[in-house]
């Protein structure tokens, strides 16, 4: 299979949008952690501590998602450089590596979303019990 310089270039918008989404998640979780931390300092509660632990896991996952996203972008860039220099085999290999990094990033994103949904289910069940 032969690819041109434009093939890796097609990934740039997708990777950029994923990185933006991951950064937004990170910022919203950071704000939530700060708010819960302030609330915990005023009134220590086990449920708040558990929520913070859940958020800690998710923040670490987002950091890995972002790391793999950056590695995907860099591999994509190097792939384009190789293809531009007519080093086709190296460019194709780097493009494949870029896709693998992107798959890893999206896989971790999927797991993080599942953790998020589970945390929301626990809160909803707790709310239903109170009613």
N, C-alpha and C. Protein backbone atom coordinates (compact mmCIF):
# COMPACT_ATOMS: atom_id res chain seq x y z
N UNK A 1 0.85 -1.18 0.00
CA UNK A 1 0.00 0.00 0.00
C UNK A 1 0.89 1.24 0.00
N UNK A 2 0.56 2.17 -0.85
CA UNK A 2 1.30 3.42 -0.89
C UNK A 2 0.40 4.54 -0.38
N UNK A 3 0.99 5.37 0.47
CA UNK A 3 0.26 6.52 0.97
C UNK A 3 1.00 7.78 0.56
N UNK A 4 0.27 8.87 0.47
CA UNK A 4 0.89 10.15 0.12
C UNK A 4 1.01 11.00 1.38
N UNK A 5 1.63 12.15 1.23
CA UNK A 5 1.81 13.07 2.36
C UNK A 5 0.46 13.52 2.90
N UNK A 6 -0.54 13.57 2.05
CA UNK A 6 -1.85 14.06 2.49
C UNK A 6 -2.59 13.06 3.39
N UNK A 7 -2.23 11.78 3.32
CA UNK A 7 -2.92 10.79 4.15
C UNK A 7 -2.71 11.05 5.64
N UNK A 8 -1.47 11.19 6.12
CA UNK A 8 -1.31 11.54 7.55
C UNK A 8 -1.90 12.91 7.89
N UNK A 9 -1.89 13.81 6.92
CA UNK A 9 -2.44 15.15 7.17
C UNK A 9 -3.93 15.09 7.49
N UNK A 10 -4.60 14.06 7.02
CA UNK A 10 -6.03 13.92 7.31
C UNK A 10 -6.29 13.68 8.80
N UNK A 11 -5.30 13.14 9.51
CA UNK A 11 -5.48 12.89 10.95
C UNK A 11 -5.38 14.15 11.80
N UNK A 12 -4.74 15.20 11.30
CA UNK A 12 -4.51 16.39 12.11
C UNK A 12 -5.78 16.98 12.71
N UNK A 13 -6.83 17.21 11.92
CA UNK A 13 -8.04 17.77 12.54
C UNK A 13 -8.65 16.85 13.59
N UNK A 14 -8.64 15.55 13.32
CA UNK A 14 -9.22 14.60 14.28
C UNK A 14 -8.43 14.60 15.59
N UNK A 15 -7.12 14.51 15.48
CA UNK A 15 -6.27 14.48 16.68
C UNK A 15 -6.42 15.79 17.45
N UNK A 16 -6.46 16.90 16.73
CA UNK A 16 -6.61 18.20 17.39
C UNK A 16 -7.93 18.30 18.15
N UNK A 17 -9.01 17.81 17.55
CA UNK A 17 -10.31 17.85 18.23
C UNK A 17 -10.32 16.94 19.45
N UNK A 18 -9.71 15.76 19.33
CA UNK A 18 -9.62 14.88 20.49
C UNK A 18 -8.82 15.53 21.61
N UNK A 19 -7.70 16.16 21.26
CA UNK A 19 -6.89 16.81 22.28
C UNK A 19 -7.66 17.94 22.97
N UNK A 20 -8.44 18.68 22.21
CA UNK A 20 -9.26 19.75 22.77
C UNK A 20 -10.31 19.17 23.73
N UNK A 21 -10.94 18.08 23.32
CA UNK A 21 -11.94 17.43 24.19
C UNK A 21 -11.28 16.90 25.46
N UNK A 22 -10.10 16.30 25.33
CA UNK A 22 -9.40 15.76 26.51
C UNK A 22 -9.01 16.89 27.45
N UNK A 23 -8.57 18.01 26.91
CA UNK A 23 -8.20 19.16 27.74
C UNK A 23 -9.42 19.72 28.46
N UNK A 24 -10.54 19.80 27.76
CA UNK A 24 -11.76 20.28 28.41
C UNK A 24 -12.18 19.36 29.55
N UNK A 25 -12.08 18.06 29.33
CA UNK A 25 -12.39 17.11 30.41
C UNK A 25 -11.47 17.34 31.60
N UNK A 26 -10.19 17.49 31.30
CA UNK A 26 -9.20 17.69 32.36
C UNK A 26 -9.53 18.94 33.17
N UNK A 27 -9.85 20.04 32.48
CA UNK A 27 -10.16 21.28 33.17
C UNK A 27 -11.43 21.17 34.02
N UNK A 28 -12.45 20.51 33.49
CA UNK A 28 -13.68 20.37 34.27
C UNK A 28 -13.46 19.47 35.48
N UNK A 29 -12.69 18.40 35.32
CA UNK A 29 -12.39 17.55 36.48
C UNK A 29 -11.56 18.29 37.51
N UNK A 30 -10.61 19.10 37.03
CA UNK A 30 -9.79 19.88 37.96
C UNK A 30 -10.64 20.83 38.79
N UNK A 31 -11.60 21.49 38.14
CA UNK A 31 -12.50 22.38 38.87
C UNK A 31 -13.35 21.62 39.87
N UNK A 32 -13.82 20.45 39.47
CA UNK A 32 -14.65 19.63 40.37
C UNK A 32 -13.84 19.15 41.57
N UNK A 33 -12.60 18.75 41.34
CA UNK A 33 -11.73 18.30 42.43
C UNK A 33 -11.48 19.44 43.40
N UNK A 34 -11.21 20.63 42.89
CA UNK A 34 -10.98 21.79 43.77
C UNK A 34 -12.21 22.09 44.62
N UNK A 35 -13.39 22.04 44.00
CA UNK A 35 -14.63 22.31 44.75
C UNK A 35 -14.86 21.26 45.82
N UNK A 36 -14.66 19.99 45.46
CA UNK A 36 -14.83 18.92 46.46
C UNK A 36 -13.79 19.01 47.57
N UNK A 37 -12.57 19.40 47.20
CA UNK A 37 -11.52 19.55 48.21
C UNK A 37 -11.90 20.63 49.22
N UNK A 38 -12.39 21.76 48.72
CA UNK A 38 -12.81 22.83 49.62
C UNK A 38 -13.96 22.37 50.51
N UNK A 39 -14.90 21.65 49.93
CA UNK A 39 -16.03 21.12 50.69
C UNK A 39 -15.55 20.11 51.74
N UNK A 40 -14.58 19.29 51.39
CA UNK A 40 -14.05 18.28 52.31
C UNK A 40 -13.32 18.93 53.48
N UNK A 41 -12.61 20.02 53.21
CA UNK A 41 -11.89 20.71 54.29
C UNK A 41 -12.86 21.33 55.30
N UNK A 42 -14.01 21.78 54.82
CA UNK A 42 -15.01 22.36 55.71
C UNK A 42 -15.73 21.27 56.49
N UNK A 43 -16.15 20.24 55.80
CA UNK A 43 -16.89 19.15 56.42
C UNK A 43 -16.42 17.81 55.85
N UNK A 44 -15.43 17.18 56.52
CA UNK A 44 -14.93 15.89 56.01
C UNK A 44 -16.04 14.85 55.94
N UNK A 45 -16.12 14.20 54.80
CA UNK A 45 -17.15 13.20 54.55
C UNK A 45 -16.54 12.10 53.70
N UNK A 46 -16.87 10.86 54.01
CA UNK A 46 -16.32 9.71 53.30
C UNK A 46 -16.75 9.70 51.83
N UNK A 47 -17.98 10.10 51.55
CA UNK A 47 -18.44 10.09 50.16
C UNK A 47 -17.67 11.11 49.31
N UNK A 48 -17.32 12.24 49.90
CA UNK A 48 -16.54 13.24 49.17
C UNK A 48 -15.15 12.69 48.89
N UNK A 49 -14.56 12.02 49.87
CA UNK A 49 -13.23 11.44 49.67
C UNK A 49 -13.26 10.39 48.56
N UNK A 50 -14.32 9.58 48.52
CA UNK A 50 -14.45 8.57 47.47
C UNK A 50 -14.60 9.22 46.09
N UNK A 51 -15.36 10.31 46.04
CA UNK A 51 -15.52 11.02 44.77
C UNK A 51 -14.18 11.58 44.29
N UNK A 52 -13.41 12.13 45.22
CA UNK A 52 -12.10 12.67 44.87
C UNK A 52 -11.18 11.55 44.37
N UNK A 53 -11.23 10.39 44.99
CA UNK A 53 -10.42 9.26 44.53
C UNK A 53 -10.83 8.83 43.13
N UNK A 54 -12.13 8.80 42.87
CA UNK A 54 -12.61 8.47 41.53
C UNK A 54 -12.10 9.48 40.51
N UNK A 55 -12.16 10.76 40.88
CA UNK A 55 -11.70 11.80 39.99
C UNK A 55 -10.19 11.74 39.78
N UNK A 56 -9.46 11.33 40.81
CA UNK A 56 -8.00 11.18 40.67
C UNK A 56 -7.68 10.14 39.61
N UNK A 57 -8.38 9.01 39.63
CA UNK A 57 -8.18 7.96 38.63
C UNK A 57 -8.47 8.51 37.24
N UNK A 58 -9.57 9.25 37.12
CA UNK A 58 -9.95 9.79 35.82
C UNK A 58 -8.96 10.83 35.31
N UNK A 59 -8.41 11.66 36.21
CA UNK A 59 -7.42 12.66 35.81
C UNK A 59 -6.17 11.96 35.28
N UNK A 60 -5.75 10.88 35.94
CA UNK A 60 -4.58 10.13 35.46
C UNK A 60 -4.86 9.50 34.10
N UNK A 61 -6.07 9.03 33.91
CA UNK A 61 -6.44 8.46 32.61
C UNK A 61 -6.40 9.53 31.52
N UNK A 62 -6.90 10.70 31.84
CA UNK A 62 -6.89 11.79 30.86
C UNK A 62 -5.46 12.19 30.53
N UNK A 63 -4.60 12.18 31.51
CA UNK A 63 -3.19 12.49 31.25
C UNK A 63 -2.60 11.48 30.27
N UNK A 64 -2.93 10.19 30.44
CA UNK A 64 -2.45 9.18 29.50
C UNK A 64 -3.08 9.36 28.12
N UNK A 65 -4.37 9.70 28.08
CA UNK A 65 -5.03 9.95 26.80
C UNK A 65 -4.33 11.08 26.06
N UNK A 66 -4.03 12.15 26.78
CA UNK A 66 -3.35 13.28 26.17
C UNK A 66 -1.95 12.89 25.71
N UNK A 67 -1.25 12.11 26.51
CA UNK A 67 0.09 11.66 26.14
C UNK A 67 0.09 10.85 24.86
N UNK A 68 -0.84 9.90 24.76
CA UNK A 68 -0.94 9.10 23.54
C UNK A 68 -1.39 9.96 22.36
N UNK A 69 -2.23 10.95 22.62
CA UNK A 69 -2.64 11.86 21.56
C UNK A 69 -1.47 12.67 21.02
N UNK A 70 -0.63 13.15 21.92
CA UNK A 70 0.57 13.88 21.50
C UNK A 70 1.51 12.97 20.72
N UNK A 71 1.69 11.75 21.21
CA UNK A 71 2.56 10.81 20.49
C UNK A 71 1.98 10.50 19.10
N UNK A 72 0.67 10.41 19.00
CA UNK A 72 0.03 10.20 17.71
C UNK A 72 0.32 11.37 16.77
N UNK A 73 0.18 12.58 17.29
CA UNK A 73 0.44 13.77 16.48
C UNK A 73 1.90 13.82 16.02
N UNK A 74 2.82 13.55 16.94
CA UNK A 74 4.23 13.57 16.58
C UNK A 74 4.57 12.50 15.54
N UNK A 75 4.03 11.30 15.73
CA UNK A 75 4.27 10.24 14.75
C UNK A 75 3.71 10.62 13.39
N UNK A 76 2.58 11.27 13.40
CA UNK A 76 1.95 11.72 12.16
C UNK A 76 2.84 12.76 11.47
N UNK A 77 3.37 13.69 12.25
CA UNK A 77 4.26 14.72 11.69
C UNK A 77 5.51 14.08 11.09
N UNK A 78 6.13 13.17 11.85
CA UNK A 78 7.33 12.52 11.35
C UNK A 78 7.03 11.65 10.13
N UNK A 79 5.84 11.07 10.09
CA UNK A 79 5.42 10.31 8.93
C UNK A 79 5.35 11.21 7.70
N UNK A 80 4.79 12.39 7.88
CA UNK A 80 4.70 13.32 6.76
C UNK A 80 6.08 13.76 6.29
N UNK A 81 6.99 14.00 7.23
CA UNK A 81 8.36 14.38 6.87
C UNK A 81 9.01 13.26 6.06
N UNK A 82 8.88 12.03 6.52
CA UNK A 82 9.47 10.90 5.81
C UNK A 82 8.87 10.76 4.41
N UNK A 83 7.56 10.88 4.32
CA UNK A 83 6.92 10.77 3.01
C UNK A 83 7.33 11.91 2.08
N UNK A 84 7.50 13.09 2.65
CA UNK A 84 7.94 14.24 1.86
C UNK A 84 9.35 14.01 1.33
N UNK A 85 10.17 13.33 2.12
CA UNK A 85 11.54 13.01 1.72
C UNK A 85 11.61 11.76 0.85
N UNK A 86 10.46 11.20 0.51
CA UNK A 86 10.31 9.96 -0.28
C UNK A 86 10.88 8.73 0.43
N UNK A 87 10.88 8.76 1.76
CA UNK A 87 11.22 7.56 2.54
C UNK A 87 9.90 6.86 2.84
N UNK A 88 9.37 6.18 1.87
CA UNK A 88 8.02 5.66 1.94
C UNK A 88 7.82 4.62 3.04
N UNK A 89 8.73 3.67 3.14
CA UNK A 89 8.56 2.62 4.16
C UNK A 89 8.54 3.22 5.56
N UNK A 90 9.48 4.11 5.85
CA UNK A 90 9.54 4.74 7.17
C UNK A 90 8.28 5.57 7.42
N UNK A 91 7.84 6.28 6.38
CA UNK A 91 6.62 7.08 6.52
C UNK A 91 5.40 6.24 6.79
N UNK A 92 5.30 5.11 6.11
CA UNK A 92 4.16 4.21 6.34
C UNK A 92 4.21 3.60 7.73
N UNK A 93 5.39 3.23 8.18
CA UNK A 93 5.53 2.66 9.53
C UNK A 93 5.13 3.70 10.57
N UNK A 94 5.63 4.92 10.42
CA UNK A 94 5.29 5.97 11.39
C UNK A 94 3.81 6.31 11.36
N UNK A 95 3.21 6.26 10.18
CA UNK A 95 1.76 6.49 10.09
C UNK A 95 1.01 5.39 10.83
N UNK A 96 1.45 4.15 10.68
CA UNK A 96 0.83 3.04 11.42
C UNK A 96 0.99 3.21 12.92
N UNK A 97 2.17 3.64 13.34
CA UNK A 97 2.41 3.90 14.77
C UNK A 97 1.49 5.02 15.26
N UNK A 98 1.31 6.03 14.42
CA UNK A 98 0.42 7.13 14.77
C UNK A 98 -1.01 6.63 14.99
N UNK A 99 -1.45 5.73 14.13
CA UNK A 99 -2.79 5.16 14.29
C UNK A 99 -2.89 4.33 15.56
N UNK A 100 -1.84 3.60 15.89
CA UNK A 100 -1.84 2.79 17.13
C UNK A 100 -1.96 3.70 18.34
N UNK A 101 -1.17 4.79 18.37
CA UNK A 101 -1.26 5.74 19.49
C UNK A 101 -2.66 6.34 19.58
N UNK A 102 -3.25 6.65 18.45
CA UNK A 102 -4.60 7.21 18.45
C UNK A 102 -5.61 6.20 18.99
N UNK A 103 -5.46 4.94 18.60
CA UNK A 103 -6.35 3.88 19.11
C UNK A 103 -6.20 3.74 20.62
N UNK A 104 -4.95 3.77 21.11
CA UNK A 104 -4.73 3.68 22.56
C UNK A 104 -5.39 4.85 23.28
N UNK A 105 -5.23 6.04 22.74
CA UNK A 105 -5.83 7.23 23.35
C UNK A 105 -7.34 7.11 23.41
N UNK A 106 -7.94 6.67 22.32
CA UNK A 106 -9.40 6.52 22.28
C UNK A 106 -9.88 5.39 23.17
N UNK A 107 -9.10 4.32 23.28
CA UNK A 107 -9.46 3.22 24.17
C UNK A 107 -9.49 3.66 25.62
N UNK A 108 -8.49 4.43 26.02
CA UNK A 108 -8.47 4.95 27.39
C UNK A 108 -9.62 5.92 27.59
N UNK A 109 -9.93 6.70 26.57
CA UNK A 109 -11.07 7.61 26.65
C UNK A 109 -12.36 6.84 26.90
N UNK A 110 -12.53 5.74 26.20
CA UNK A 110 -13.72 4.91 26.39
C UNK A 110 -13.80 4.40 27.83
N UNK A 111 -12.67 3.93 28.38
CA UNK A 111 -12.67 3.43 29.76
C UNK A 111 -12.97 4.56 30.75
N UNK A 112 -12.44 5.76 30.48
CA UNK A 112 -12.68 6.90 31.37
C UNK A 112 -14.16 7.28 31.35
N UNK A 113 -14.78 7.22 30.20
CA UNK A 113 -16.21 7.53 30.10
C UNK A 113 -17.01 6.50 30.88
N UNK A 114 -16.63 5.23 30.82
CA UNK A 114 -17.34 4.20 31.57
C UNK A 114 -17.23 4.45 33.07
N UNK A 115 -16.05 4.84 33.55
CA UNK A 115 -15.88 5.16 34.97
C UNK A 115 -16.76 6.34 35.34
N UNK A 116 -16.82 7.33 34.48
CA UNK A 116 -17.64 8.51 34.72
C UNK A 116 -19.12 8.13 34.83
N UNK A 117 -19.58 7.29 33.93
CA UNK A 117 -20.98 6.87 33.95
C UNK A 117 -21.27 6.06 35.22
N UNK A 118 -20.35 5.19 35.62
CA UNK A 118 -20.54 4.41 36.85
C UNK A 118 -20.65 5.33 38.06
N UNK A 119 -19.81 6.37 38.11
CA UNK A 119 -19.87 7.31 39.23
C UNK A 119 -21.22 8.04 39.25
N UNK A 120 -21.71 8.41 38.09
CA UNK A 120 -23.01 9.07 38.03
C UNK A 120 -24.14 8.13 38.44
N UNK A 121 -24.04 6.86 38.05
CA UNK A 121 -25.05 5.88 38.45
C UNK A 121 -25.11 5.75 39.97
N UNK A 122 -23.96 5.75 40.62
CA UNK A 122 -23.92 5.66 42.09
C UNK A 122 -24.63 6.87 42.70
N UNK A 123 -24.36 8.06 42.17
CA UNK A 123 -25.02 9.26 42.69
C UNK A 123 -26.52 9.22 42.46
N UNK A 124 -26.93 8.75 41.30
CA UNK A 124 -28.36 8.67 41.02
C UNK A 124 -29.06 7.64 41.92
N UNK A 125 -28.42 6.51 42.15
CA UNK A 125 -28.99 5.51 43.04
C UNK A 125 -29.11 6.05 44.47
N UNK A 126 -28.10 6.79 44.89
CA UNK A 126 -28.13 7.40 46.22
C UNK A 126 -29.28 8.39 46.34
N UNK A 127 -29.49 9.16 45.28
CA UNK A 127 -30.58 10.13 45.26
C UNK A 127 -31.94 9.43 45.28
N UNK A 128 -32.08 8.32 44.57
CA UNK A 128 -33.33 7.58 44.54
C UNK A 128 -33.63 6.96 45.90
N UNK A 129 -32.59 6.54 46.60
CA UNK A 129 -32.80 5.96 47.93
C UNK A 129 -33.32 7.00 48.92
N UNK A 130 -32.88 8.24 48.75
CA UNK A 130 -33.30 9.32 49.66
C UNK A 130 -34.76 9.69 49.45
N UNK A 131 -35.28 9.46 48.27
CA UNK A 131 -36.68 9.86 47.99
C UNK A 131 -37.66 8.94 48.60
